[in-house]
Amino acid sequence: MTSEIEWNKCIYKDCMNEENGLPTLEDKSIDLCITDPPYNVEVAGTHRGGDSPLFNKKIRYFDNMPQNKYLDWCFKWFDELKRICNIIILTPGYRNFLDWIRKYNDLQFAIWYDKSKQGGCKIASFNKIDPIIIWNLENQRKQHKRLSWNIIEYIFRCNQFNYGDFIHPCPKPLFLWYKIISKIKPESVIDPFLGSGTTAEVCTKLGIKWLGYELNEVYSQDINKRLKNCKREPRQIDLEVFK
């Protein structure tokens, strides 16, 4: 049975749950999925800490599955998203990128590069760059001619960004998500791993209806903080403000 989508809300459950998760959504009912899933980088704590005043606020979590089980899990929700969405964009993590390419032969990709970061490490997944997987954007561009800009093989350069006073350890840069979503101009967006709520904030500013899932309800504090007093922008936003 399919469920009617309640837009502009986060469902604090596993995105694959049988009550109102991805399996309950209708085919091609959502235009774009953009998401940043867990990378399975064997983290048993937070990404940031040290002398940071936010260290004690960060929620510890465990991101350590056997790699074969992790990939099976990823491919299950990805196949559901291919059924539900017209376009999918996600960041798989540097260490998982080749597994995705081997599994699916219909993917394209871009890279975002954060020039403020130094070096690489296991936790940060070679943290100066992050691959972006893209599914079906080129077909949509050709069929509907709705894109004035081709994302394929594009490199996003992001200056150092402020994590903000979030309890989530690794929010995606607002500038990066804004640039992608504003260029694609989707009618609706889903993020099955909403985290701190970057997708929700960008879609709200752009006046795009959105749906999110987040397993850890404690991040509702971040999401609510982002959306409080967040309104649709009356005009095009200057991208420089997000750098």
Protein backbone atom coordinates (compact mmCIF):
# COMPACT_ATOMS: atom_id res chain seq x y z
CA MET A 1 0.00 0.00 0.00
CA THR A 2 1.29 3.45 -0.90
CA SER A 3 1.07 6.37 1.48
CA GLU A 4 0.17 9.96 0.70
CA ILE A 5 3.20 12.18 1.18
CA GLU A 6 3.08 14.76 3.95
CA TRP A 7 5.47 17.37 2.68
CA ASN A 8 7.87 19.62 4.61
CA LYS A 9 8.37 17.27 7.52
CA CYS A 10 10.94 14.85 8.88
CA ILE A 11 9.91 11.32 9.81
CA TYR A 12 12.07 10.09 12.67
CA LYS A 13 12.25 6.48 11.59
CA ASP A 14 14.39 4.21 9.45
CA CYS A 15 13.82 5.28 5.85
CA MET A 16 13.10 1.65 4.94
CA ASN A 17 10.39 1.13 7.56
CA GLU A 18 7.20 -0.57 6.35
CA GLU A 19 4.76 1.92 7.86
CA ASN A 20 5.72 5.12 6.03
CA GLY A 21 9.19 4.51 4.64
CA LEU A 22 10.51 4.38 1.09
CA PRO A 23 8.73 1.10 0.23
CA THR A 24 5.37 2.85 0.76
CA LEU A 25 6.01 5.71 -1.67
CA GLU A 26 4.62 5.63 -5.21
CA ASP A 27 6.74 5.21 -8.32
CA LYS A 28 8.15 8.50 -9.62
CA SER A 29 6.36 10.45 -6.90
CA ILE A 30 9.38 12.65 -6.04
CA ASP A 31 11.53 14.64 -8.42
CA LEU A 32 14.93 14.66 -6.72
CA CYS A 33 16.70 12.75 -3.96
CA ILE A 34 19.76 14.48 -2.55
CA THR A 35 21.37 12.88 0.48
CA ASP A 36 24.54 12.25 2.47
CA PRO A 37 24.25 8.72 3.94
CA PRO A 38 26.56 7.18 6.57
CA TYR A 39 29.93 6.22 5.07
CA ASN A 40 30.67 3.19 7.27
CA VAL A 41 34.07 4.56 8.22
CA GLU A 42 34.28 2.69 11.54
CA VAL A 43 33.53 5.72 13.65
CA ALA A 44 32.67 5.06 17.28
CA GLY A 45 32.41 8.66 18.36
CA THR A 46 32.33 12.11 16.85
CA HIS A 47 34.13 13.57 13.87
CA ARG A 48 35.01 16.75 15.71
CA GLY A 49 36.26 17.25 19.21
CA GLY A 50 39.56 18.25 20.76
CA ASP A 51 39.39 21.73 22.20
CA SER A 52 36.13 22.60 20.51
CA PRO A 53 33.56 24.05 22.96
CA LEU A 54 30.99 21.97 21.11
CA PHE A 55 32.76 18.69 21.82
CA ASN A 56 30.57 17.64 24.71
CA LYS A 57 27.41 18.44 22.73
CA LYS A 58 28.20 16.16 19.82
CA ILE A 59 26.16 12.99 19.64
CA ARG A 60 28.29 9.86 19.56
CA TYR A 61 27.20 7.26 17.06
CA PHE A 62 28.49 3.99 15.65
CA ASP A 63 29.22 3.65 11.97
CA ASN A 64 30.86 0.25 11.83
CA MET A 65 29.11 -2.50 9.83
CA PRO A 66 30.79 -5.35 7.95
CA GLN A 67 31.42 -3.81 4.55
CA ASN A 68 29.41 -6.39 2.60
CA LYS A 69 26.37 -5.85 4.84
CA TYR A 70 26.78 -2.09 4.59
CA LEU A 71 26.83 -2.21 0.80
CA ASP A 72 23.80 -4.52 0.66
CA TRP A 73 21.96 -2.04 2.88
CA CYS A 74 22.97 0.89 0.64
CA PHE A 75 21.91 -0.83 -2.55
CA LYS A 76 18.49 -1.71 -1.10
CA TRP A 77 17.53 1.87 -0.31
CA PHE A 78 19.15 3.11 -3.52
CA ASP A 79 17.04 0.74 -5.62
CA GLU A 80 13.95 2.03 -3.83
CA LEU A 81 14.98 5.59 -4.61
CA LYS A 82 15.47 4.73 -8.29
CA ARG A 83 11.85 3.59 -8.33
CA ILE A 84 10.57 6.66 -6.48
CA CYS A 85 12.67 9.51 -7.90
CA ASN A 86 13.49 11.03 -11.27
CA ILE A 87 17.01 12.05 -10.20
CA ILE A 88 19.31 10.90 -7.40
CA ILE A 89 22.38 12.72 -6.10
CA LEU A 90 24.34 11.41 -3.12
CA THR A 91 27.75 11.50 -1.53
CA PRO A 92 28.85 7.86 -1.01
CA GLY A 93 32.13 8.55 0.77
CA TYR A 94 35.55 8.26 -0.83
CA ARG A 95 36.22 4.71 0.38
CA ASN A 96 32.89 3.40 -0.98
CA PHE A 97 32.94 5.13 -4.35
CA LEU A 98 34.36 2.24 -6.41
CA ASP A 99 31.86 -0.21 -4.92
CA TRP A 100 29.03 1.95 -6.21
CA ILE A 101 30.59 2.23 -9.66
CA ARG A 102 31.08 -1.53 -9.84
CA LYS A 103 27.49 -2.19 -8.82
CA TYR A 104 25.75 0.25 -11.16
CA ASN A 105 26.78 1.00 -14.72
CA ASP A 106 24.38 3.92 -15.18
CA LEU A 107 25.98 6.38 -12.75
CA GLN A 108 27.75 9.65 -13.41
CA PHE A 109 29.66 11.69 -10.92
CA ALA A 110 31.02 15.00 -9.77
CA ILE A 111 33.45 15.97 -7.03
CA TRP A 112 33.31 18.59 -4.35
CA TYR A 113 36.59 19.90 -3.07
CA ASP A 114 37.05 21.66 0.25
CA LYS A 115 40.32 23.53 -0.06
CA SER A 116 40.25 24.50 3.61
CA LYS A 117 40.83 20.93 4.80
CA GLN A 118 44.28 19.53 5.42
CA GLY A 119 45.39 16.10 4.24
CA GLY A 120 43.33 12.95 4.61
CA CYS A 121 42.53 10.34 7.21
CA LYS A 122 40.38 7.22 7.55
CA ILE A 123 37.62 8.95 9.49
CA ALA A 124 37.34 11.83 7.05
CA SER A 125 37.47 9.55 4.00
CA PHE A 126 40.31 11.41 2.29
CA ASN A 127 38.74 14.58 3.51
CA LYS A 128 39.86 17.18 0.98
CA ILE A 129 37.57 15.74 -1.69
CA ASP A 130 34.25 13.95 -1.69
CA PRO A 131 32.76 12.19 -4.73
CA ILE A 132 29.15 12.85 -5.71
CA ILE A 133 27.17 10.08 -7.40
CA ILE A 134 24.52 11.11 -9.92
CA TRP A 135 21.76 8.97 -11.38
CA ASN A 136 19.49 9.87 -14.32
CA LEU A 137 20.18 13.61 -14.37
CA GLU A 138 21.48 13.57 -17.93
CA ASN A 139 18.38 11.71 -19.19
CA GLN A 140 16.12 14.21 -17.45
CA ARG A 141 18.09 17.08 -18.92
CA LYS A 142 17.75 15.73 -22.45
CA GLN A 143 14.07 14.82 -22.12
CA HIS A 144 12.80 17.97 -20.45
CA LYS A 145 15.44 20.56 -21.34
CA ARG A 146 14.93 22.03 -17.91
CA LEU A 147 18.59 22.48 -17.04
CA SER A 148 20.69 25.37 -18.20
CA TRP A 149 23.72 23.90 -16.48
CA ASN A 150 25.27 20.45 -16.73
CA ILE A 151 26.36 18.99 -13.40
CA ILE A 152 28.13 15.99 -14.89
CA GLU A 153 31.86 15.82 -14.17
CA TYR A 154 31.67 19.14 -12.41
CA ILE A 155 33.99 20.08 -9.56
CA PHE A 156 32.47 22.08 -6.71
CA ARG A 157 35.00 24.18 -4.80
CA CYS A 158 33.86 25.13 -1.33
CA ASN A 159 35.65 27.56 0.92
CA GLN A 160 35.84 26.81 4.62
CA PHE A 161 32.36 26.77 6.08
CA ASN A 162 31.02 27.15 9.59
CA TYR A 163 29.59 23.96 11.08
CA GLY A 164 27.42 26.09 13.31
CA ASP A 165 26.22 25.20 16.77
CA PHE A 166 24.84 21.83 15.66
CA ILE A 167 24.95 18.61 17.61
CA HIS A 168 25.25 16.65 14.38
CA PRO A 169 28.98 15.97 13.83
CA CYS A 170 29.19 16.47 10.06
CA PRO A 171 26.53 18.67 8.42
CA LYS A 172 26.92 19.16 4.67
CA PRO A 173 27.80 22.71 3.52
CA LEU A 174 24.71 24.79 2.86
CA PHE A 175 26.43 26.36 -0.16
CA LEU A 176 27.02 22.99 -1.82
CA TRP A 177 23.45 21.75 -1.39
CA TYR A 178 22.04 25.12 -2.44
CA LYS A 179 24.10 25.22 -5.61
CA ILE A 180 23.01 21.74 -6.71
CA ILE A 181 19.31 22.07 -5.87
CA SER A 182 18.92 25.57 -7.28
CA LYS A 183 20.41 24.51 -10.62
CA ILE A 184 18.27 21.39 -10.99
CA LYS A 185 15.09 23.24 -9.97
CA PRO A 186 13.18 20.15 -8.75
CA GLU A 187 9.49 20.24 -7.92
CA SER A 188 9.99 18.03 -4.85
CA VAL A 189 12.94 16.65 -2.87
CA ILE A 190 13.52 13.70 -0.54
CA ASP A 191 16.45 13.15 1.82
CA PRO A 192 16.35 9.72 3.53
CA PHE A 193 19.29 10.68 5.79
CA LEU A 194 18.35 14.21 6.77
CA GLY A 195 20.90 14.60 9.58
CA SER A 196 21.16 18.21 10.69
CA GLY A 197 18.62 19.34 8.09
CA THR A 198 20.69 21.01 5.36
CA THR A 199 18.32 19.72 2.68
CA ALA A 200 15.27 20.96 4.58
CA GLU A 201 16.72 24.44 5.02
CA VAL A 202 17.74 24.82 1.37
CA CYS A 203 14.39 23.58 0.08
CA THR A 204 12.51 25.91 2.42
CA LYS A 205 14.54 28.89 1.19
CA LEU A 206 13.88 27.90 -2.42
CA GLY A 207 10.17 27.18 -1.90
CA ILE A 208 10.50 23.48 -2.80
CA LYS A 209 8.45 20.85 -0.98
CA TRP A 210 10.59 18.27 0.81
CA LEU A 211 10.41 15.05 2.80
CA GLY A 212 13.09 13.75 5.14
CA TYR A 213 13.87 10.68 7.24
CA GLU A 214 16.22 10.62 10.20
CA LEU A 215 16.75 7.64 12.48
CA ASN A 216 18.24 9.62 15.36
CA GLU A 217 15.53 11.93 16.70
CA VAL A 218 18.03 13.92 18.76
CA TYR A 219 18.95 15.72 15.52
CA SER A 220 15.48 17.26 15.55
CA GLN A 221 17.13 19.97 17.65
CA ASP A 222 19.35 20.88 14.70
CA ILE A 223 16.53 20.60 12.15
CA ASN A 224 14.17 22.75 14.19
CA LYS A 225 16.91 25.32 14.73
CA ARG A 226 17.55 25.51 10.99
CA LEU A 227 13.87 25.87 10.11
CA LYS A 228 12.93 28.35 12.83
CA ASN A 229 12.21 31.65 11.08
CA CYS A 230 13.45 30.13 7.80
CA LYS A 231 11.39 31.57 4.96
CA ARG A 232 11.32 31.36 1.21
CA GLU A 233 13.66 33.88 -0.32
CA PRO A 234 11.77 36.56 -2.27
CA ARG A 235 14.52 36.74 -4.87
CA GLN A 236 17.51 34.80 -6.09
CA ILE A 237 20.08 34.33 -3.35
CA ASP A 238 23.61 35.58 -3.82
CA LEU A 239 25.65 32.39 -3.58
CA GLU A 240 28.52 34.27 -2.00
CA VAL A 241 26.62 34.48 1.28
CA PHE A 242 26.98 30.72 1.76
CA LYS A 243 30.73 30.56 1.24
